[in-house]
PDB file of N, CA and C in Angstrom:
ATOM      1  N   MET A   1     201.869 104.669  59.502  1.00  0.00           N
ATOM      2  CA  MET A   1     202.387 103.778  60.626  1.00  0.00           C
ATOM      3  C   MET A   1     203.860 103.572  60.588  1.00  0.00           C
ATOM      4  N   GLN A   2     204.630 103.666  61.636  1.00  0.00           N
ATOM      5  CA  GLN A   2     206.223 103.514  61.546  1.00  0.00           C
ATOM      6  C   GLN A   2     206.571 102.096  61.187  1.00  0.00           C
ATOM      7  N   ARG A   3     207.541 102.044  60.628  1.00  0.00           N
ATOM      8  CA  ARG A   3     208.239 100.568  60.290  1.00  0.00           C
ATOM      9  C   ARG A   3     208.395  99.905  61.563  1.00  0.00           C
ATOM     10  N   LYS A   4     208.880 100.657  62.516  1.00  0.00           N
ATOM     11  CA  LYS A   4     209.266  99.914  63.888  1.00  0.00           C
ATOM     12  C   LYS A   4     208.031  99.486  64.647  1.00  0.00           C
ATOM     13  N   THR A   5     206.978 100.265  64.550  1.00  0.00           N
ATOM     14  CA  THR A   5     205.645  99.803  65.032  1.00  0.00           C
ATOM     15  C   THR A   5     205.083  98.480  64.449  1.00  0.00           C
ATOM     16  N   PHE A   6     205.180  98.569  63.100  1.00  0.00           N
ATOM     17  CA  PHE A   6     204.660  97.371  62.332  1.00  0.00           C
ATOM     18  C   PHE A   6     205.498  96.230  62.708  1.00  0.00           C
ATOM     19  N   LEU A   7     206.836  96.393  62.634  1.00  0.00           N
ATOM     20  CA  LEU A   7     207.742  95.147  63.005  1.00  0.00           C
ATOM     21  C   LEU A   7     207.523  94.636  64.428  1.00  0.00           C
ATOM     22  N   GLY A   8     207.306  95.616  65.330  1.00  0.00           N
ATOM     23  CA  GLY A   8     207.134  95.249  66.766  1.00  0.00           C
ATOM     24  C   GLY A   8     205.795  94.436  67.001  1.00  0.00           C
ATOM     25  N   ILE A   9     204.751  94.969  66.230  1.00  0.00           N
ATOM     26  CA  ILE A   9     203.531  94.140  66.352  1.00  0.00           C
ATOM     27  C   ILE A   9     203.590  92.810  65.821  1.00  0.00           C
ATOM     28  N   PHE A  10     204.352  92.647  64.522  1.00  0.00           N
ATOM     29  CA  PHE A  10     204.347  91.454  63.776  1.00  0.00           C
ATOM     30  C   PHE A  10     205.246  90.426  64.722  1.00  0.00           C
ATOM     31  N   LEU A  11     206.329  90.823  65.345  1.00  0.00           N
ATOM     32  CA  LEU A  11     207.198  90.064  66.052  1.00  0.00           C
ATOM     33  C   LEU A  11     206.405  89.532  67.238  1.00  0.00           C
ATOM     34  N   LEU A  12     205.813  90.566  68.078  1.00  0.00           N
ATOM     35  CA  LEU A  12     205.326  90.045  69.110  1.00  0.00           C
ATOM     36  C   LEU A  12     204.050  89.127  69.068  1.00  0.00           C
ATOM     37  N   THR A  13     203.167  89.510  68.059  1.00  0.00           N
ATOM     38  CA  THR A  13     202.071  88.577  67.773  1.00  0.00           C
ATOM     39  C   THR A  13     202.523  87.201  67.343  1.00  0.00           C
ATOM     40  N   SER A  14     203.486  87.251  66.456  1.00  0.00           N
ATOM     41  CA  SER A  14     203.844  85.842  65.945  1.00  0.00           C
ATOM     42  C   SER A  14     204.581  84.971  67.062  1.00  0.00           C
ATOM     43  N   ILE A  15     205.167  85.620  67.961  1.00  0.00           N
ATOM     44  CA  ILE A  15     205.818  84.839  69.094  1.00  0.00           C
ATOM     45  C   ILE A  15     204.655  84.417  70.037  1.00  0.00           C
ATOM     46  N   PHE A  16     203.875  85.400  70.440  1.00  0.00           N
ATOM     47  CA  PHE A  16     202.969  85.240  71.663  1.00  0.00           C
ATOM     48  C   PHE A  16     201.660  84.521  71.221  1.00  0.00           C
ATOM     49  N   TYR A  17     201.231  84.625  69.789  1.00  0.00           N
ATOM     50  CA  TYR A  17     199.999  84.122  69.352  1.00  0.00           C
ATOM     51  C   TYR A  17     200.324  82.805  68.678  1.00  0.00           C
ATOM     52  N   TYR A  18     201.404  82.457  68.195  1.00  0.00           N
ATOM     53  CA  TYR A  18     201.578  81.257  67.614  1.00  0.00           C
ATOM     54  C   TYR A  18     202.767  80.234  67.992  1.00  0.00           C
ATOM     55  N   ILE A  19     203.933  80.680  68.384  1.00  0.00           N
ATOM     56  CA  ILE A  19     205.046  79.902  68.907  1.00  0.00           C
ATOM     57  C   ILE A  19     204.803  79.346  70.184  1.00  0.00           C
ATOM     58  N   ILE A  20     204.719  80.313  71.209  1.00  0.00           N
ATOM     59  CA  ILE A  20     204.474  79.803  72.461  1.00  0.00           C
ATOM     60  C   ILE A  20     203.258  79.074  72.803  1.00  0.00           C
ATOM     61  N   PRO A  21     202.041  79.388  72.324  1.00  0.00           N
ATOM     62  CA  PRO A  21     200.934  78.468  72.517  1.00  0.00           C
ATOM     63  C   PRO A  21     201.159  77.059  71.836  1.00  0.00           C
ATOM     64  N   LEU A  22     201.766  77.035  70.679  1.00  0.00           N
ATOM     65  CA  LEU A  22     202.051  75.642  70.007  1.00  0.00           C
ATOM     66  C   LEU A  22     202.927  74.856  70.732  1.00  0.00           C
ATOM     67  N   LEU A  23     203.887  75.572  71.253  1.00  0.00           N
ATOM     68  CA  LEU A  23     204.914  74.843  72.032  1.00  0.00           C
ATOM     69  C   LEU A  23     204.178  74.244  73.400  1.00  0.00           C
ATOM     70  N   PHE A  24     203.370  75.067  73.805  1.00  0.00           N
ATOM     71  CA  PHE A  24     202.615  74.615  74.996  1.00  0.00           C
ATOM     72  C   PHE A  24     201.790  73.351  74.857  1.00  0.00           C
ATOM     73  N   LEU A  25     201.091  73.456  73.778  1.00  0.00           N
ATOM     74  CA  LEU A  25     200.210  72.411  73.327  1.00  0.00           C
ATOM     75  C   LEU A  25     201.019  71.037  73.008  1.00  0.00           C
ATOM     76  N   LYS A  26     202.085  71.237  72.400  1.00  0.00           N
ATOM     77  CA  LYS A  26     202.986  70.053  72.124  1.00  0.00           C
ATOM     78  C   LYS A  26     203.664  69.434  73.352  1.00  0.00           C
ATOM     79  N   PHE A  27     203.912  70.201  74.425  1.00  0.00           N
ATOM     80  CA  PHE A  27     204.600  69.695  75.648  1.00  0.00           C
ATOM     81  C   PHE A  27     203.686  69.555  76.782  1.00  0.00           C
ATOM     82  N   TYR A  28     202.263  69.775  76.666  1.00  0.00           N
ATOM     83  CA  TYR A  28     201.544  69.764  77.815  1.00  0.00           C
ATOM     84  C   TYR A  28     200.860  68.354  77.980  1.00  0.00           C
ATOM     85  N   ASN A  29     200.935  67.797  79.038  1.00  0.00           N
ATOM     86  CA  ASN A  29     200.493  66.289  79.235  1.00  0.00           C
ATOM     87  C   ASN A  29     199.153  66.275  80.058  1.00  0.00           C
ATOM     88  N   GLY A  30     198.636  67.305  80.475  1.00  0.00           N
ATOM     89  CA  GLY A  30     197.370  67.274  81.260  1.00  0.00           C
ATOM     90  C   GLY A  30     196.097  67.112  80.295  1.00  0.00           C
ATOM     91  N   THR A  31     194.908  67.216  80.810  1.00  0.00           N
ATOM     92  CA  THR A  31     193.703  67.290  80.240  1.00  0.00           C
ATOM     93  C   THR A  31     193.389  68.379  79.198  1.00  0.00           C
ATOM     94  N   SER A  32     192.602  68.214  78.279  1.00  0.00           N
ATOM     95  CA  SER A  32     192.497  69.212  77.220  1.00  0.00           C
ATOM     96  C   SER A  32     191.622  70.372  77.707  1.00  0.00           C
ATOM     97  N   ASP A  33     190.846  70.116  78.664  1.00  0.00           N
ATOM     98  CA  ASP A  33     189.980  71.347  79.148  1.00  0.00           C
ATOM     99  C   ASP A  33     190.807  72.378  79.986  1.00  0.00           C
ATOM    100  N   LYS A  34     191.838  71.718  80.629  1.00  0.00           N
ATOM    101  CA  LYS A  34     192.751  72.786  81.469  1.00  0.00           C
ATOM    102  C   LYS A  34     193.592  73.416  80.274  1.00  0.00           C
ATOM    103  N   ALA A  35     194.000  72.783  79.343  1.00  0.00           N
ATOM    104  CA  ALA A  35     194.893  73.275  78.308  1.00  0.00           C
ATOM    105  C   ALA A  35     194.061  74.400  77.589  1.00  0.00           C
ATOM    106  N   GLY A  36     192.884  74.174  77.332  1.00  0.00           N
ATOM    107  CA  GLY A  36     191.978  75.225  76.732  1.00  0.00           C
ATOM    108  C   GLY A  36     191.884  76.551  77.506  1.00  0.00           C
ATOM    109  N   PHE A  37     191.664  76.256  78.797  1.00  0.00           N
ATOM    110  CA  PHE A  37     191.476  77.393  79.737  1.00  0.00           C
ATOM    111  C   PHE A  37     192.898  78.139  79.767  1.00  0.00           C
ATOM    112  N   ILE A  38     193.818  77.419  79.913  1.00  0.00           N
ATOM    113  CA  ILE A  38     195.294  78.159  80.004  1.00  0.00           C
ATOM    114  C   ILE A  38     195.463  78.949  78.670  1.00  0.00           C
ATOM    115  N   LEU A  39     195.093  78.440  77.592  1.00  0.00           N
ATOM    116  CA  LEU A  39     195.292  79.071  76.284  1.00  0.00           C
ATOM    117  C   LEU A  39     194.501  80.216  76.244  1.00  0.00           C
ATOM    118  N   ILE A  40     193.300  80.274  76.796  1.00  0.00           N
ATOM    119  CA  ILE A  40     192.357  81.448  76.810  1.00  0.00           C
ATOM    120  C   ILE A  40     193.013  82.516  77.643  1.00  0.00           C
ATOM    121  N   LEU A  41     193.403  82.082  78.697  1.00  0.00           N
ATOM    122  CA  LEU A  41     194.080  83.256  79.694  1.00  0.00           C
ATOM    123  C   LEU A  41     195.224  83.789  79.012  1.00  0.00           C
ATOM    124  N   VAL A  42     196.126  82.908  78.375  1.00  0.00           N
ATOM    125  CA  VAL A  42     197.399  83.389  77.849  1.00  0.00           C
ATOM    126  C   VAL A  42     196.964  84.272  76.495  1.00  0.00           C
ATOM    127  N   TYR A  43     196.144  84.072  75.693  1.00  0.00           N
ATOM    128  CA  TYR A  43     195.594  84.926  74.569  1.00  0.00           C
ATOM    129  C   TYR A  43     195.132  86.210  75.091  1.00  0.00           C
ATOM    130  N   GLY A  44     194.306  86.203  76.150  1.00  0.00           N
ATOM    131  CA  GLY A  44     193.810  87.367  76.637  1.00  0.00           C
ATOM    132  C   GLY A  44     194.789  88.298  77.276  1.00  0.00           C
ATOM    133  N   PHE A  45     195.856  87.644  78.061  1.00  0.00           N
ATOM    134  CA  PHE A  45     196.824  88.426  78.565  1.00  0.00           C
ATOM    135  C   PHE A  45     197.758  89.005  77.495  1.00  0.00           C
ATOM    136  N   THR A  46     198.203  88.034  76.517  1.00  0.00           N
ATOM    137  CA  THR A  46     199.162  88.603  75.604  1.00  0.00           C
ATOM    138  C   THR A  46     198.501  89.655  74.666  1.00  0.00           C
ATOM    139  N   SER A  47     197.406  89.670  74.225  1.00  0.00           N
ATOM    140  CA  SER A  47     196.763  90.643  73.378  1.00  0.00           C
ATOM    141  C   SER A  47     196.697  91.977  74.187  1.00  0.00           C
ATOM    142  N   PHE A  48     196.342  91.931  75.397  1.00  0.00           N
ATOM    143  CA  PHE A  48     196.259  93.171  76.425  1.00  0.00           C
ATOM    144  C   PHE A  48     197.768  93.712  76.360  1.00  0.00           C
ATOM    145  N   ALA A  49     198.804  92.815  76.705  1.00  0.00           N
ATOM    146  CA  ALA A  49     200.067  93.265  76.864  1.00  0.00           C
ATOM    147  C   ALA A  49     200.661  93.834  75.633  1.00  0.00           C
ATOM    148  N   ILE A  50     200.598  93.300  74.495  1.00  0.00           N
ATOM    149  CA  ILE A  50     201.072  93.544  73.117  1.00  0.00           C
ATOM    150  C   ILE A  50     200.528  94.864  72.682  1.00  0.00           C
ATOM    151  N   THR A  51     199.288  95.289  72.786  1.00  0.00           N
ATOM    152  CA  THR A  51     198.717  96.408  72.470  1.00  0.00           C
ATOM    153  C   THR A  51     199.044  97.574  73.474  1.00  0.00           C
ATOM    154  N   LEU A  52     199.120  97.238  74.730  1.00  0.00           N
ATOM    155  CA  LEU A  52     199.535  98.310  75.827  1.00  0.00           C
ATOM    156  C   LEU A  52     200.895  98.614  75.550  1.00  0.00           C
ATOM    157  N   LEU A  53     201.892  97.803  75.286  1.00  0.00           N
ATOM    158  CA  LEU A  53     203.181  97.965  75.241  1.00  0.00           C
ATOM    159  C   LEU A  53     203.592  98.764  73.968  1.00  0.00           C
ATOM    160  N   ILE A  54     203.069  98.255  72.902  1.00  0.00           N
ATOM    161  CA  ILE A  54     203.251  99.044  71.532  1.00  0.00           C
ATOM    162  C   ILE A  54     202.521 100.335  71.541  1.00  0.00           C
ATOM    163  N   SER A  55     201.392 100.529  72.017  1.00  0.00           N
ATOM    164  CA  SER A  55     200.671 101.869  71.828  1.00  0.00           C
ATOM    165  C   SER A  55     201.234 102.671  72.998  1.00  0.00           C
ATOM    166  N   TYR A  56     201.735 102.375  74.032  1.00  0.00           N
ATOM    167  CA  TYR A  56     202.382 103.245  75.068  1.00  0.00           C
ATOM    168  C   TYR A  56     203.724 103.783  74.808  1.00  0.00           C
ATOM    169  N   PHE A  57     204.604 102.640  74.433  1.00  0.00           N
ATOM    170  CA  PHE A  57     206.020 103.114  74.346  1.00  0.00           C
ATOM    171  C   PHE A  57     206.372 103.426  72.760  1.00  0.00           C
ATOM    172  N   ILE A  58     205.808 102.881  71.946  1.00  0.00           N
ATOM    173  CA  ILE A  58     206.206 103.226  70.478  1.00  0.00           C
ATOM    174  C   ILE A  58     205.289 104.288  69.656  1.00  0.00           C
ATOM    175  N   GLN A  59     204.122 103.895  69.562  1.00  0.00           N
ATOM    176  CA  GLN A  59     203.145 104.786  68.753  1.00  0.00           C
ATOM    177  C   GLN A  59     201.792 104.549  69.166  1.00  0.00           C
ATOM    178  N   ARG A  60     200.899 105.437  69.333  1.00  0.00           N
ATOM    179  CA  ARG A  60     199.577 105.251  69.625  1.00  0.00           C
ATOM    180  C   ARG A  60     198.610 105.524  68.525  1.00  0.00           C
ATOM    181  N   THR A  61     198.184 104.494  67.741  1.00  0.00           N
ATOM    182  CA  THR A  61     197.197 104.677  66.682  1.00  0.00           C
ATOM    183  C   THR A  61     196.151 103.643  66.863  1.00  0.00           C
ATOM    184  N   ILE A  62     194.999 103.878  66.246  1.00  0.00           N
ATOM    185  CA  ILE A  62     193.950 102.782  66.265  1.00  0.00           C
ATOM    186  C   ILE A  62     194.401 101.572  65.488  1.00  0.00           C
ATOM    187  N   PHE A  63     195.165 101.795  64.596  1.00  0.00           N
ATOM    188  CA  PHE A  63     195.665 100.609  63.768  1.00  0.00           C
ATOM    189  C   PHE A  63     196.398  99.537  64.561  1.00  0.00           C
ATOM    190  N   ILE A  64     196.832  99.759  65.729  1.00  0.00           N
ATOM    191  CA  ILE A  64     197.535  98.766  66.354  1.00  0.00           C
ATOM    192  C   ILE A  64     196.690  97.562  66.951  1.00  0.00           C
ATOM    193  N   PRO A  65     195.524  97.937  67.532  1.00  0.00           N
ATOM    194  CA  PRO A  65     194.638  96.630  68.028  1.00  0.00           C
ATOM    195  C   PRO A  65     194.059  96.044  66.680  1.00  0.00           C
ATOM    196  N   VAL A  66     193.723  96.965  65.621  1.00  0.00           N
ATOM    197  CA  VAL A  66     193.058  96.263  64.440  1.00  0.00           C
ATOM    198  C   VAL A  66     194.287  95.381  63.718  1.00  0.00           C
ATOM    199  N   LEU A  67     195.440  95.847  63.688  1.00  0.00           N
ATOM    200  CA  LEU A  67     196.507  94.995  63.086  1.00  0.00           C
ATOM    201  C   LEU A  67     196.814  93.777  63.962  1.00  0.00           C
ATOM    202  N   SER A  68     196.896  93.901  65.217  1.00  0.00           N
ATOM    203  CA  SER A  68     196.908  92.737  66.051  1.00  0.00           C
ATOM    204  C   SER A  68     195.707  91.684  65.848  1.00  0.00           C
ATOM    205  N   THR A  69     194.484  92.125  65.623  1.00  0.00           N
ATOM    206  CA  THR A  69     193.494  91.327  65.392  1.00  0.00           C
ATOM    207  C   THR A  69     193.677  90.701  63.930  1.00  0.00           C
ATOM    208  N   ILE A  70     194.071  91.348  62.931  1.00  0.00           N
ATOM    209  CA  ILE A  70     194.156  90.851  61.612  1.00  0.00           C
ATOM    210  C   ILE A  70     195.314  89.832  61.705  1.00  0.00           C
ATOM    211  N   LEU A  71     196.415  90.049  62.472  1.00  0.00           N
ATOM    212  CA  LEU A  71     197.588  89.038  62.462  1.00  0.00           C
ATOM    213  C   LEU A  71     197.043  87.710  63.229  1.00  0.00           C
ATOM    214  N   ALA A  72     195.965  87.809  63.956  1.00  0.00           N
ATOM    215  CA  ALA A  72     195.397  86.732  64.651  1.00  0.00           C
ATOM    216  C   ALA A  72     194.501  85.824  63.845  1.00  0.00           C
ATOM    217  N   LEU A  73     194.121  86.309  62.693  1.00  0.00           N
ATOM    218  CA  LEU A  73     193.256  85.574  61.940  1.00  0.00           C
ATOM    219  C   LEU A  73     193.666  84.190  61.350  1.00  0.00           C
ATOM    220  N   PRO A  74     195.000  83.931  61.117  1.00  0.00           N
ATOM    221  CA  PRO A  74     195.321  82.521  60.888  1.00  0.00           C
ATOM    222  C   PRO A  74     195.095  81.398  61.962  1.00  0.00           C
ATOM    223  N   LEU A  75     194.674  82.013  63.141  1.00  0.00           N
ATOM    224  CA  LEU A  75     194.445  81.059  64.295  1.00  0.00           C
ATOM    225  C   LEU A  75     193.346  80.141  63.771  1.00  0.00           C
ATOM    226  N   PHE A  76     192.395  80.571  62.808  1.00  0.00           N
ATOM    227  CA  PHE A  76     191.359  79.659  62.399  1.00  0.00           C
ATOM    228  C   PHE A  76     191.809  78.486  61.762  1.00  0.00           C
ATOM    229  N   PHE A  77     193.038  78.568  61.141  1.00  0.00           N
ATOM    230  CA  PHE A  77     193.618  77.294  60.403  1.00  0.00           C
ATOM    231  C   PHE A  77     194.159  76.306  61.514  1.00  0.00           C
ATOM    232  N   ILE A  78     194.293  76.881  62.609  1.00  0.00           N
ATOM    233  CA  ILE A  78     194.905  75.997  63.697  1.00  0.00           C
ATOM    234  C   ILE A  78     193.979  75.441  64.638  1.00  0.00           C
ATOM    235  N   PHE A  79     193.024  76.440  65.064  1.00  0.00           N
ATOM    236  CA  PHE A  79     192.128  76.009  66.040  1.00  0.00           C
ATOM    237  C   PHE A  79     190.564  75.763  65.596  1.00  0.00           C
ATOM    238  N   ASN A  80     190.435  75.962  64.101  1.00  0.00           N
ATOM    239  CA  ASN A  80     189.015  75.627  63.638  1.00  0.00           C
ATOM    240  C   ASN A  80     188.054  76.663  64.196  1.00  0.00           C
ATOM    241  N   SER A  81     186.926  76.053  64.474  1.00  0.00           N
ATOM    242  CA  SER A  81     185.927  77.039  64.913  1.00  0.00           C
ATOM    243  C   SER A  81     185.986  77.595  66.334  1.00  0.00           C
ATOM    244  N   SER A  82     186.820  76.887  67.219  1.00  0.00           N
ATOM    245  CA  SER A  82     187.073  77.494  68.496  1.00  0.00           C
ATOM    246  C   SER A  82     187.952  78.703  68.444  1.00  0.00           C
ATOM    247  N   ALA A  83     188.462  79.059  67.226  1.00  0.00           N
ATOM    248  CA  ALA A  83     189.308  80.251  67.369  1.00  0.00           C
ATOM    249  C   ALA A  83     188.435  81.417  67.254  1.00  0.00           C
ATOM    250  N   LEU A  84     187.158  81.392  67.079  1.00  0.00           N
ATOM    251  CA  LEU A  84     186.332  82.555  67.149  1.00  0.00           C
ATOM    252  C   LEU A  84     186.331  83.085  68.600  1.00  0.00           C
ATOM    253  N   VAL A  85     186.230  82.277  69.539  1.00  0.00           N
ATOM    254  CA  VAL A  85     186.211  82.685  70.880  1.00  0.00           C
ATOM    255  C   VAL A  85     187.529  83.430  71.084  1.00  0.00           C
ATOM    256  N   LEU A  86     188.654  82.794  70.697  1.00  0.00           N
ATOM    257  CA  LEU A  86     190.022  83.359  70.869  1.00  0.00           C
ATOM    258  C   LEU A  86     190.109  84.869  70.162  1.00  0.00           C
ATOM    259  N   LEU A  87     189.464  84.826  68.963  1.00  0.00           N
ATOM    260  CA  LEU A  87     189.631  86.086  68.234  1.00  0.00           C
ATOM    261  C   LEU A  87     188.827  87.089  69.001  1.00  0.00           C
ATOM    262  N   LEU A  88     187.721  86.795  69.470  1.00  0.00           N
ATOM    263  CA  LEU A  88     186.737  87.916  70.247  1.00  0.00           C
ATOM    264  C   LEU A  88     187.580  88.321  71.485  1.00  0.00           C
ATOM    265  N   ILE A  89     188.156  87.424  72.171  1.00  0.00           N
ATOM    266  CA  ILE A  89     189.001  87.697  73.426  1.00  0.00           C
ATOM    267  C   ILE A  89     190.152  88.711  72.911  1.00  0.00           C
ATOM    268  N   ILE A  90     190.712  88.342  71.810  1.00  0.00           N
ATOM    269  CA  ILE A  90     191.901  89.258  71.403  1.00  0.00           C
ATOM    270  C   ILE A  90     191.394  90.604  71.015  1.00  0.00           C
ATOM    271  N   ILE A  91     190.244  90.744  70.397  1.00  0.00           N
ATOM    272  CA  ILE A  91     189.656  91.964  69.994  1.00  0.00           C
ATOM    273  C   ILE A  91     189.355  92.764  71.344  1.00  0.00           C
ATOM    274  N   VAL A  92     188.529  92.151  72.243  1.00  0.00           N
ATOM    275  CA  VAL A  92     188.195  92.965  73.440  1.00  0.00           C
ATOM    276  C   VAL A  92     189.378  93.426  74.216  1.00  0.00           C
ATOM    277  N   PHE A  93     190.346  92.501  74.455  1.00  0.00           N
ATOM    278  CA  PHE A  93     191.456  92.923  75.309  1.00  0.00           C
ATOM    279  C   PHE A  93     192.480  93.880  74.632  1.00  0.00           C
ATOM    280  N   SER A  94     192.556  93.935  73.277  1.00  0.00           N
ATOM    281  CA  SER A  94     193.253  94.760  72.466  1.00  0.00           C
ATOM    282  C   SER A  94     192.680  96.233  72.602  1.00  0.00           C
ATOM    283  N   PHE A  95     191.474  96.354  72.330  1.00  0.00           N
ATOM    284  CA  PHE A  95     190.780  97.597  72.449  1.00  0.00           C
ATOM    285  C   PHE A  95     190.803  98.202  73.931  1.00  0.00           C
ATOM    286  N   ILE A  96     190.603  97.271  74.881  1.00  0.00           N
ATOM    287  CA  ILE A  96     190.765  97.733  76.377  1.00  0.00           C
ATOM    288  C   ILE A  96     191.983  98.290  76.573  1.00  0.00           C
ATOM    289  N   ALA A  97     193.195  97.608  76.090  1.00  0.00           N
ATOM    290  CA  ALA A  97     194.551  98.022  76.328  1.00  0.00           C
ATOM    291  C   ALA A  97     194.792  99.362  75.642  1.00  0.00           C
ATOM    292  N   TYR A  98     194.300  99.446  74.533  1.00  0.00           N
ATOM    293  CA  TYR A  98     194.391 100.696  73.627  1.00  0.00           C
ATOM    294  C   TYR A  98     193.774 101.906  74.404  1.00  0.00           C
ATOM    295  N   GLY A  99     192.597 101.706  74.945  1.00  0.00           N
ATOM    296  CA  GLY A  99     191.797 102.760  75.650  1.00  0.00           C
ATOM    297  C   GLY A  99     192.640 103.077  76.991  1.00  0.00           C
ATOM    298  N   LEU A 100     193.229 102.110  77.650  1.00  0.00           N
ATOM    299  CA  LEU A 100     193.989 102.326  78.806  1.00  0.00           C
ATOM    300  C   LEU A 100     195.178 103.154  78.584  1.00  0.00           C
ATOM    301  N   SER A 101     195.916 102.788  77.426  1.00  0.00           N
ATOM    302  CA  SER A 101     197.191 103.511  76.982  1.00  0.00           C
ATOM    303  C   SER A 101     196.821 104.959  76.651  1.00  0.00           C
ATOM    304  N   SER A 102     195.679 105.409  76.162  1.00  0.00           N
ATOM    305  CA  SER A 102     195.142 106.584  75.897  1.00  0.00           C
ATOM    306  C   SER A 102     195.003 107.344  77.095  1.00  0.00           C
ATOM    307  N   LEU A 103     194.538 106.652  78.221  1.00  0.00           N
ATOM    308  CA  LEU A 103     194.370 107.370  79.506  1.00  0.00           C
ATOM    309  C   LEU A 103     195.807 107.606  80.130  1.00  0.00           C
ATOM    310  N   PHE A 104     196.758 106.687  79.937  1.00  0.00           N
ATOM    311  CA  PHE A 104     197.936 106.891  80.681  1.00  0.00           C
ATOM    312  C   PHE A 104     198.803 108.142  79.959  1.00  0.00           C
ATOM    313  N   LYS A 105     198.702 108.293  78.625  1.00  0.00           N
ATOM    314  CA  LYS A 105     199.339 109.366  77.904  1.00  0.00           C
ATOM    315  C   LYS A 105     198.745 110.677  77.908  1.00  0.00           C
TER     316      LYS A 105
END
């Protein structure tokens, strides 16, 4: 795997999996059920977008969705047991995006 690919995955996942959702939770004033639904949508979209962008424009290997999933494992320390749902969403959408990128190329 190229260094550029690893750096791209690491930067995108750290920004979109950790920084943006935690800032959203800090400044969100609504109910917690709406915040949870918004976070589920954000994690689904960003896992799809990260995998599709990296595998289409930089390098297409099976390690991209796997590495994206591995980098999402620290979510268990943030969200405890509800991170299992987020991790499953990340896995599903990452592999869907990887399959879609293989159809495009």
